[in-house]
Amino acid sequence: MCQTHQSNVLSVSHAKANFERTTIITGRRSIAGSLVGGIQETQEMLDFAAAHNIAPQIEVINVRTCAEK
């Protein structure tokens, strides 16, 4: 693990990760990760979507609606 007040950054992995939550919390450690790919992967996804006529579904909601949920 890391020392106090430091972070571990995780990349995408298919392996199961096991962490002792108490050690992380009491040691003031943090774990961060992201499923966002790099520029090449993002461009490949956009090219695939364009080639297959796939478009995003967008829903615009009012801020008051967010507050109600």
PDB file of N, CA and C in Angstrom:
ATOM      1  N   MET A   1       0.857  -1.179   0.000  1.00  0.00           N
ATOM      2  CA  MET A   1       0.000   0.000   0.000  1.00  0.00           C
ATOM      3  C   MET A   1       0.889   1.224   0.000  1.00  0.00           C
ATOM      4  N   CYS A   2       0.352   2.360   0.284  1.00  0.00           N
ATOM      5  CA  CYS A   2       1.130   3.591   0.272  1.00  0.00           C
ATOM      6  C   CYS A   2       1.227   4.167   1.683  1.00  0.00           C
ATOM      7  N   GLN A   3       2.051   5.171   1.819  1.00  0.00           N
ATOM      8  CA  GLN A   3       2.224   5.812   3.115  1.00  0.00           C
ATOM      9  C   GLN A   3       1.044   6.740   3.398  1.00  0.00           C
ATOM     10  N   THR A   4       0.979   7.258   4.618  1.00  0.00           N
ATOM     11  CA  THR A   4      -0.081   8.183   4.999  1.00  0.00           C
ATOM     12  C   THR A   4      -0.084   9.403   4.089  1.00  0.00           C
ATOM     13  N   HIS A   5      -1.279   9.872   3.748  1.00  0.00           N
ATOM     14  CA  HIS A   5      -1.497  11.049   2.903  1.00  0.00           C
ATOM     15  C   HIS A   5      -1.000  10.845   1.475  1.00  0.00           C
ATOM     16  N   GLN A   6      -1.004   9.632   0.985  1.00  0.00           N
ATOM     17  CA  GLN A   6      -0.630   9.365  -0.399  1.00  0.00           C
ATOM     18  C   GLN A   6      -1.755   8.605  -1.074  1.00  0.00           C
ATOM     19  N   SER A   7      -1.675   8.503  -2.397  1.00  0.00           N
ATOM     20  CA  SER A   7      -2.724   7.850  -3.169  1.00  0.00           C
ATOM     21  C   SER A   7      -2.165   6.741  -4.035  1.00  0.00           C
ATOM     22  N   ASN A   8      -2.986   5.731  -4.266  1.00  0.00           N
ATOM     23  CA  ASN A   8      -2.724   4.704  -5.265  1.00  0.00           C
ATOM     24  C   ASN A   8      -3.697   4.961  -6.404  1.00  0.00           C
ATOM     25  N   VAL A   9      -3.215   4.950  -7.624  1.00  0.00           N
ATOM     26  CA  VAL A   9      -4.072   5.135  -8.779  1.00  0.00           C
ATOM     27  C   VAL A   9      -4.114   3.818  -9.528  1.00  0.00           C
ATOM     28  N   LEU A  10      -5.318   3.316  -9.767  1.00  0.00           N
ATOM     29  CA  LEU A  10      -5.501   2.017 -10.402  1.00  0.00           C
ATOM     30  C   LEU A  10      -5.902   2.193 -11.853  1.00  0.00           C
ATOM     31  N   SER A  11      -5.406   1.305 -12.694  1.00  0.00           N
ATOM     32  CA  SER A  11      -5.850   1.284 -14.081  1.00  0.00           C
ATOM     33  C   SER A  11      -6.839   0.138 -14.239  1.00  0.00           C
ATOM     34  N   VAL A  12      -7.378  -0.014 -15.414  1.00  0.00           N
ATOM     35  CA  VAL A  12      -8.360  -1.062 -15.658  1.00  0.00           C
ATOM     36  C   VAL A  12      -7.696  -2.425 -15.540  1.00  0.00           C
ATOM     37  N   SER A  13      -8.334  -3.304 -14.808  1.00  0.00           N
ATOM     38  CA  SER A  13      -7.814  -4.651 -14.624  1.00  0.00           C
ATOM     39  C   SER A  13      -8.986  -5.608 -14.492  1.00  0.00           C
ATOM     40  N   HIS A  14      -8.803  -6.819 -14.960  1.00  0.00           N
ATOM     41  CA  HIS A  14      -9.853  -7.823 -14.829  1.00  0.00           C
ATOM     42  C   HIS A  14      -9.718  -8.607 -13.528  1.00  0.00           C
ATOM     43  N   ALA A  15      -8.617  -8.402 -12.828  1.00  0.00           N
ATOM     44  CA  ALA A  15      -8.400  -9.099 -11.560  1.00  0.00           C
ATOM     45  C   ALA A  15      -9.191  -8.421 -10.448  1.00  0.00           C
ATOM     46  N   LYS A  16      -9.677  -9.213  -9.519  1.00  0.00           N
ATOM     47  CA  LYS A  16     -10.407  -8.673  -8.378  1.00  0.00           C
ATOM     48  C   LYS A  16      -9.418  -8.006  -7.424  1.00  0.00           C
ATOM     49  N   ALA A  17      -9.773  -6.831  -6.965  1.00  0.00           N
ATOM     50  CA  ALA A  17      -8.913  -6.096  -6.034  1.00  0.00           C
ATOM     51  C   ALA A  17      -9.475  -6.227  -4.622  1.00  0.00           C
ATOM     52  N   ASN A  18      -8.619  -6.555  -3.685  1.00  0.00           N
ATOM     53  CA  ASN A  18      -9.021  -6.663  -2.287  1.00  0.00           C
ATOM     54  C   ASN A  18      -8.266  -5.631  -1.471  1.00  0.00           C
ATOM     55  N   PHE A  19      -9.012  -4.810  -0.749  1.00  0.00           N
ATOM     56  CA  PHE A  19      -8.415  -3.782   0.084  1.00  0.00           C
ATOM     57  C   PHE A  19      -8.995  -3.876   1.483  1.00  0.00           C
ATOM     58  N   GLU A  20      -8.162  -3.655   2.461  1.00  0.00           N
ATOM     59  CA  GLU A  20      -8.617  -3.585   3.841  1.00  0.00           C
ATOM     60  C   GLU A  20      -9.099  -2.158   4.073  1.00  0.00           C
ATOM     61  N   ARG A  21     -10.406  -1.969   4.126  1.00  0.00           N
ATOM     62  CA  ARG A  21     -10.976  -0.621   4.230  1.00  0.00           C
ATOM     63  C   ARG A  21     -10.511   0.125   5.468  1.00  0.00           C
ATOM     64  N   THR A  22     -10.441  -0.561   6.589  1.00  0.00           N
ATOM     65  CA  THR A  22     -10.033   0.103   7.828  1.00  0.00           C
ATOM     66  C   THR A  22      -8.629   0.679   7.705  1.00  0.00           C
ATOM     67  N   THR A  23      -7.721  -0.074   7.125  1.00  0.00           N
ATOM     68  CA  THR A  23      -6.343   0.396   6.950  1.00  0.00           C
ATOM     69  C   THR A  23      -6.295   1.626   6.054  1.00  0.00           C
ATOM     70  N   ILE A  24      -7.092   1.626   5.007  1.00  0.00           N
ATOM     71  CA  ILE A  24      -7.116   2.764   4.090  1.00  0.00           C
ATOM     72  C   ILE A  24      -7.676   4.003   4.781  1.00  0.00           C
ATOM     73  N   ILE A  25      -8.788   3.842   5.478  1.00  0.00           N
ATOM     74  CA  ILE A  25      -9.446   4.986   6.117  1.00  0.00           C
ATOM     75  C   ILE A  25      -8.623   5.535   7.270  1.00  0.00           C
ATOM     76  N   THR A  26      -8.202   4.675   8.177  1.00  0.00           N
ATOM     77  CA  THR A  26      -7.469   5.157   9.348  1.00  0.00           C
ATOM     78  C   THR A  26      -6.066   5.626   9.004  1.00  0.00           C
ATOM     79  N   GLY A  27      -5.508   5.141   7.917  1.00  0.00           N
ATOM     80  CA  GLY A  27      -4.170   5.563   7.498  1.00  0.00           C
ATOM     81  C   GLY A  27      -4.188   6.788   6.608  1.00  0.00           C
ATOM     82  N   ARG A  28      -5.383   7.363   6.410  1.00  0.00           N
ATOM     83  CA  ARG A  28      -5.544   8.541   5.550  1.00  0.00           C
ATOM     84  C   ARG A  28      -4.948   8.309   4.167  1.00  0.00           C
ATOM     85  N   ARG A  29      -5.299   7.174   3.606  1.00  0.00           N
ATOM     86  CA  ARG A  29      -4.842   6.823   2.264  1.00  0.00           C
ATOM     87  C   ARG A  29      -6.024   6.935   1.314  1.00  0.00           C
ATOM     88  N   SER A  30      -5.743   6.991   0.045  1.00  0.00           N
ATOM     89  CA  SER A  30      -6.826   7.024  -0.931  1.00  0.00           C
ATOM     90  C   SER A  30      -6.480   6.143  -2.121  1.00  0.00           C
ATOM     91  N   ILE A  31      -7.528   5.638  -2.750  1.00  0.00           N
ATOM     92  CA  ILE A  31      -7.391   4.819  -3.949  1.00  0.00           C
ATOM     93  C   ILE A  31      -8.239   5.491  -5.020  1.00  0.00           C
ATOM     94  N   ALA A  32      -7.670   5.702  -6.184  1.00  0.00           N
ATOM     95  CA  ALA A  32      -8.390   6.349  -7.274  1.00  0.00           C
ATOM     96  C   ALA A  32      -8.277   5.489  -8.520  1.00  0.00           C
ATOM     97  N   GLY A  33      -9.234   5.607  -9.389  1.00  0.00           N
ATOM     98  CA  GLY A  33      -9.200   4.863 -10.630  1.00  0.00           C
ATOM     99  C   GLY A  33     -10.113   5.500 -11.659  1.00  0.00           C
ATOM    100  N   SER A  34     -10.012   5.028 -12.876  1.00  0.00           N
ATOM    101  CA  SER A  34     -10.829   5.574 -13.941  1.00  0.00           C
ATOM    102  C   SER A  34     -11.042   4.515 -15.012  1.00  0.00           C
ATOM    103  N   LEU A  35     -12.218   4.497 -15.565  1.00  0.00           N
ATOM    104  CA  LEU A  35     -12.509   3.597 -16.681  1.00  0.00           C
ATOM    105  C   LEU A  35     -12.344   4.295 -18.027  1.00  0.00           C
ATOM    106  N   VAL A  36     -11.973   5.548 -18.001  1.00  0.00           N
ATOM    107  CA  VAL A  36     -11.808   6.315 -19.225  1.00  0.00           C
ATOM    108  C   VAL A  36     -10.508   5.899 -19.902  1.00  0.00           C
ATOM    109  N   GLY A  37     -10.599   5.590 -21.174  1.00  0.00           N
ATOM    110  CA  GLY A  37      -9.411   5.195 -21.918  1.00  0.00           C
ATOM    111  C   GLY A  37      -8.600   6.399 -22.353  1.00  0.00           C
ATOM    112  N   GLY A  38      -7.510   6.133 -22.999  1.00  0.00           N
ATOM    113  CA  GLY A  38      -6.652   7.195 -23.511  1.00  0.00           C
ATOM    114  C   GLY A  38      -7.200   7.774 -24.803  1.00  0.00           C
ATOM    115  N   ILE A  39      -6.421   8.630 -25.426  1.00  0.00           N
ATOM    116  CA  ILE A  39      -6.851   9.300 -26.655  1.00  0.00           C
ATOM    117  C   ILE A  39      -7.112   8.288 -27.768  1.00  0.00           C
ATOM    118  N   GLN A  40      -6.224   7.314 -27.930  1.00  0.00           N
ATOM    119  CA  GLN A  40      -6.389   6.329 -29.007  1.00  0.00           C
ATOM    120  C   GLN A  40      -7.663   5.509 -28.815  1.00  0.00           C
ATOM    121  N   GLU A  41      -7.911   5.027 -27.606  1.00  0.00           N
ATOM    122  CA  GLU A  41      -9.103   4.228 -27.339  1.00  0.00           C
ATOM    123  C   GLU A  41     -10.366   5.051 -27.540  1.00  0.00           C
ATOM    124  N   THR A  42     -10.328   6.299 -27.104  1.00  0.00           N
ATOM    125  CA  THR A  42     -11.485   7.177 -27.271  1.00  0.00           C
ATOM    126  C   THR A  42     -11.767   7.419 -28.748  1.00  0.00           C
ATOM    127  N   GLN A  43     -10.718   7.656 -29.545  1.00  0.00           N
ATOM    128  CA  GLN A  43     -10.906   7.872 -30.979  1.00  0.00           C
ATOM    129  C   GLN A  43     -11.451   6.618 -31.648  1.00  0.00           C
ATOM    130  N   GLU A  44     -10.958   5.439 -31.266  1.00  0.00           N
ATOM    131  CA  GLU A  44     -11.464   4.182 -31.825  1.00  0.00           C
ATOM    132  C   GLU A  44     -12.947   4.015 -31.518  1.00  0.00           C
ATOM    133  N   MET A  45     -13.355   4.366 -30.306  1.00  0.00           N
ATOM    134  CA  MET A  45     -14.759   4.265 -29.924  1.00  0.00           C
ATOM    135  C   MET A  45     -15.606   5.231 -30.749  1.00  0.00           C
ATOM    136  N   LEU A  46     -15.126   6.458 -30.931  1.00  0.00           N
ATOM    137  CA  LEU A  46     -15.864   7.435 -31.728  1.00  0.00           C
ATOM    138  C   LEU A  46     -15.961   7.000 -33.186  1.00  0.00           C
ATOM    139  N   ASP A  47     -14.874   6.454 -33.736  1.00  0.00           N
ATOM    140  CA  ASP A  47     -14.886   5.957 -35.117  1.00  0.00           C
ATOM    141  C   ASP A  47     -15.872   4.802 -35.270  1.00  0.00           C
ATOM    142  N   PHE A  48     -15.876   3.885 -34.309  1.00  0.00           N
ATOM    143  CA  PHE A  48     -16.804   2.749 -34.330  1.00  0.00           C
ATOM    144  C   PHE A  48     -18.245   3.250 -34.285  1.00  0.00           C
ATOM    145  N   ALA A  49     -18.519   4.178 -33.377  1.00  0.00           N
ATOM    146  CA  ALA A  49     -19.873   4.719 -33.247  1.00  0.00           C
ATOM    147  C   ALA A  49     -20.314   5.394 -34.543  1.00  0.00           C
ATOM    148  N   ALA A  50     -19.428   6.173 -35.146  1.00  0.00           N
ATOM    149  CA  ALA A  50     -19.768   6.855 -36.397  1.00  0.00           C
ATOM    150  C   ALA A  50     -20.013   5.852 -37.522  1.00  0.00           C
ATOM    151  N   ALA A  51     -19.188   4.818 -37.619  1.00  0.00           N
ATOM    152  CA  ALA A  51     -19.321   3.813 -38.677  1.00  0.00           C
ATOM    153  C   ALA A  51     -20.609   3.008 -38.543  1.00  0.00           C
ATOM    154  N   HIS A  52     -21.107   2.866 -37.320  1.00  0.00           N
ATOM    155  CA  HIS A  52     -22.313   2.071 -37.072  1.00  0.00           C
ATOM    156  C   HIS A  52     -23.533   2.935 -36.760  1.00  0.00           C
ATOM    157  N   ASN A  53     -23.423   4.224 -37.057  1.00  0.00           N
ATOM    158  CA  ASN A  53     -24.529   5.156 -36.865  1.00  0.00           C
ATOM    159  C   ASN A  53     -25.073   5.112 -35.426  1.00  0.00           C
ATOM    160  N   ILE A  54     -24.168   5.079 -34.476  1.00  0.00           N
ATOM    161  CA  ILE A  54     -24.537   5.062 -33.061  1.00  0.00           C
ATOM    162  C   ILE A  54     -24.387   6.477 -32.513  1.00  0.00           C
ATOM    163  N   ALA A  55     -25.452   6.977 -31.924  1.00  0.00           N
ATOM    164  CA  ALA A  55     -25.431   8.333 -31.373  1.00  0.00           C
ATOM    165  C   ALA A  55     -25.781   8.277 -29.885  1.00  0.00           C
ATOM    166  N   PRO A  56     -25.328   9.245 -29.127  1.00  0.00           N
ATOM    167  CA  PRO A  56     -25.646   9.253 -27.699  1.00  0.00           C
ATOM    168  C   PRO A  56     -27.114   9.586 -27.459  1.00  0.00           C
ATOM    169  N   GLN A  57     -27.633   9.113 -26.340  1.00  0.00           N
ATOM    170  CA  GLN A  57     -28.968   9.497 -25.892  1.00  0.00           C
ATOM    171  C   GLN A  57     -28.770  10.558 -24.820  1.00  0.00           C
ATOM    172  N   ILE A  58     -29.319  11.709 -25.056  1.00  0.00           N
ATOM    173  CA  ILE A  58     -29.114  12.832 -24.145  1.00  0.00           C
ATOM    174  C   ILE A  58     -30.449  13.240 -23.544  1.00  0.00           C
ATOM    175  N   GLU A  59     -30.452  13.432 -22.249  1.00  0.00           N
ATOM    176  CA  GLU A  59     -31.638  13.924 -21.554  1.00  0.00           C
ATOM    177  C   GLU A  59     -31.236  15.173 -20.778  1.00  0.00           C
ATOM    178  N   VAL A  60     -31.866  16.276 -21.106  1.00  0.00           N
ATOM    179  CA  VAL A  60     -31.611  17.523 -20.395  1.00  0.00           C
ATOM    180  C   VAL A  60     -32.679  17.650 -19.316  1.00  0.00           C
ATOM    181  N   ILE A  61     -32.225  17.820 -18.074  1.00  0.00           N
ATOM    182  CA  ILE A  61     -33.176  17.952 -16.977  1.00  0.00           C
ATOM    183  C   ILE A  61     -32.969  19.285 -16.271  1.00  0.00           C
ATOM    184  N   ASN A  62     -34.034  19.758 -15.702  1.00  0.00           N
ATOM    185  CA  ASN A  62     -34.009  21.011 -14.971  1.00  0.00           C
ATOM    186  C   ASN A  62     -33.314  20.806 -13.633  1.00  0.00           C
ATOM    187  N   VAL A  63     -32.588  21.790 -13.162  1.00  0.00           N
ATOM    188  CA  VAL A  63     -31.871  21.683 -11.894  1.00  0.00           C
ATOM    189  C   VAL A  63     -32.836  21.414 -10.738  1.00  0.00           C
ATOM    190  N   ARG A  64     -34.038  21.916 -10.823  1.00  0.00           N
ATOM    191  CA  ARG A  64     -35.031  21.655  -9.769  1.00  0.00           C
ATOM    192  C   ARG A  64     -35.402  20.183  -9.727  1.00  0.00           C
ATOM    193  N   THR A  65     -35.428  19.541 -10.885  1.00  0.00           N
ATOM    194  CA  THR A  65     -35.717  18.110 -10.945  1.00  0.00           C
ATOM    195  C   THR A  65     -34.624  17.323 -10.233  1.00  0.00           C
ATOM    196  N   CYS A  66     -33.378  17.740 -10.391  1.00  0.00           N
ATOM    197  CA  CYS A  66     -32.261  17.078  -9.712  1.00  0.00           C
ATOM    198  C   CYS A  66     -32.410  17.189  -8.202  1.00  0.00           C
ATOM    199  N   ALA A  67     -32.796  18.349  -7.742  1.00  0.00           N
ATOM    200  CA  ALA A  67     -32.929  18.576  -6.307  1.00  0.00           C
ATOM    201  C   ALA A  67     -34.037  17.727  -5.709  1.00  0.00           C
ATOM    202  N   GLU A  68     -35.044  17.397  -6.499  1.00  0.00           N
ATOM    203  CA  GLU A  68     -36.167  16.596  -6.016  1.00  0.00           C
ATOM    204  C   GLU A  68     -35.802  15.132  -5.863  1.00  0.00           C
ATOM    205  N   LYS A  69     -34.813  14.669  -6.597  1.00  0.00           N
ATOM    206  CA  LYS A  69     -34.450  13.247  -6.571  1.00  0.00           C
ATOM    207  C   LYS A  69     -33.548  12.969  -5.472  1.00  0.00           C
TER     208      LYS A  69
END
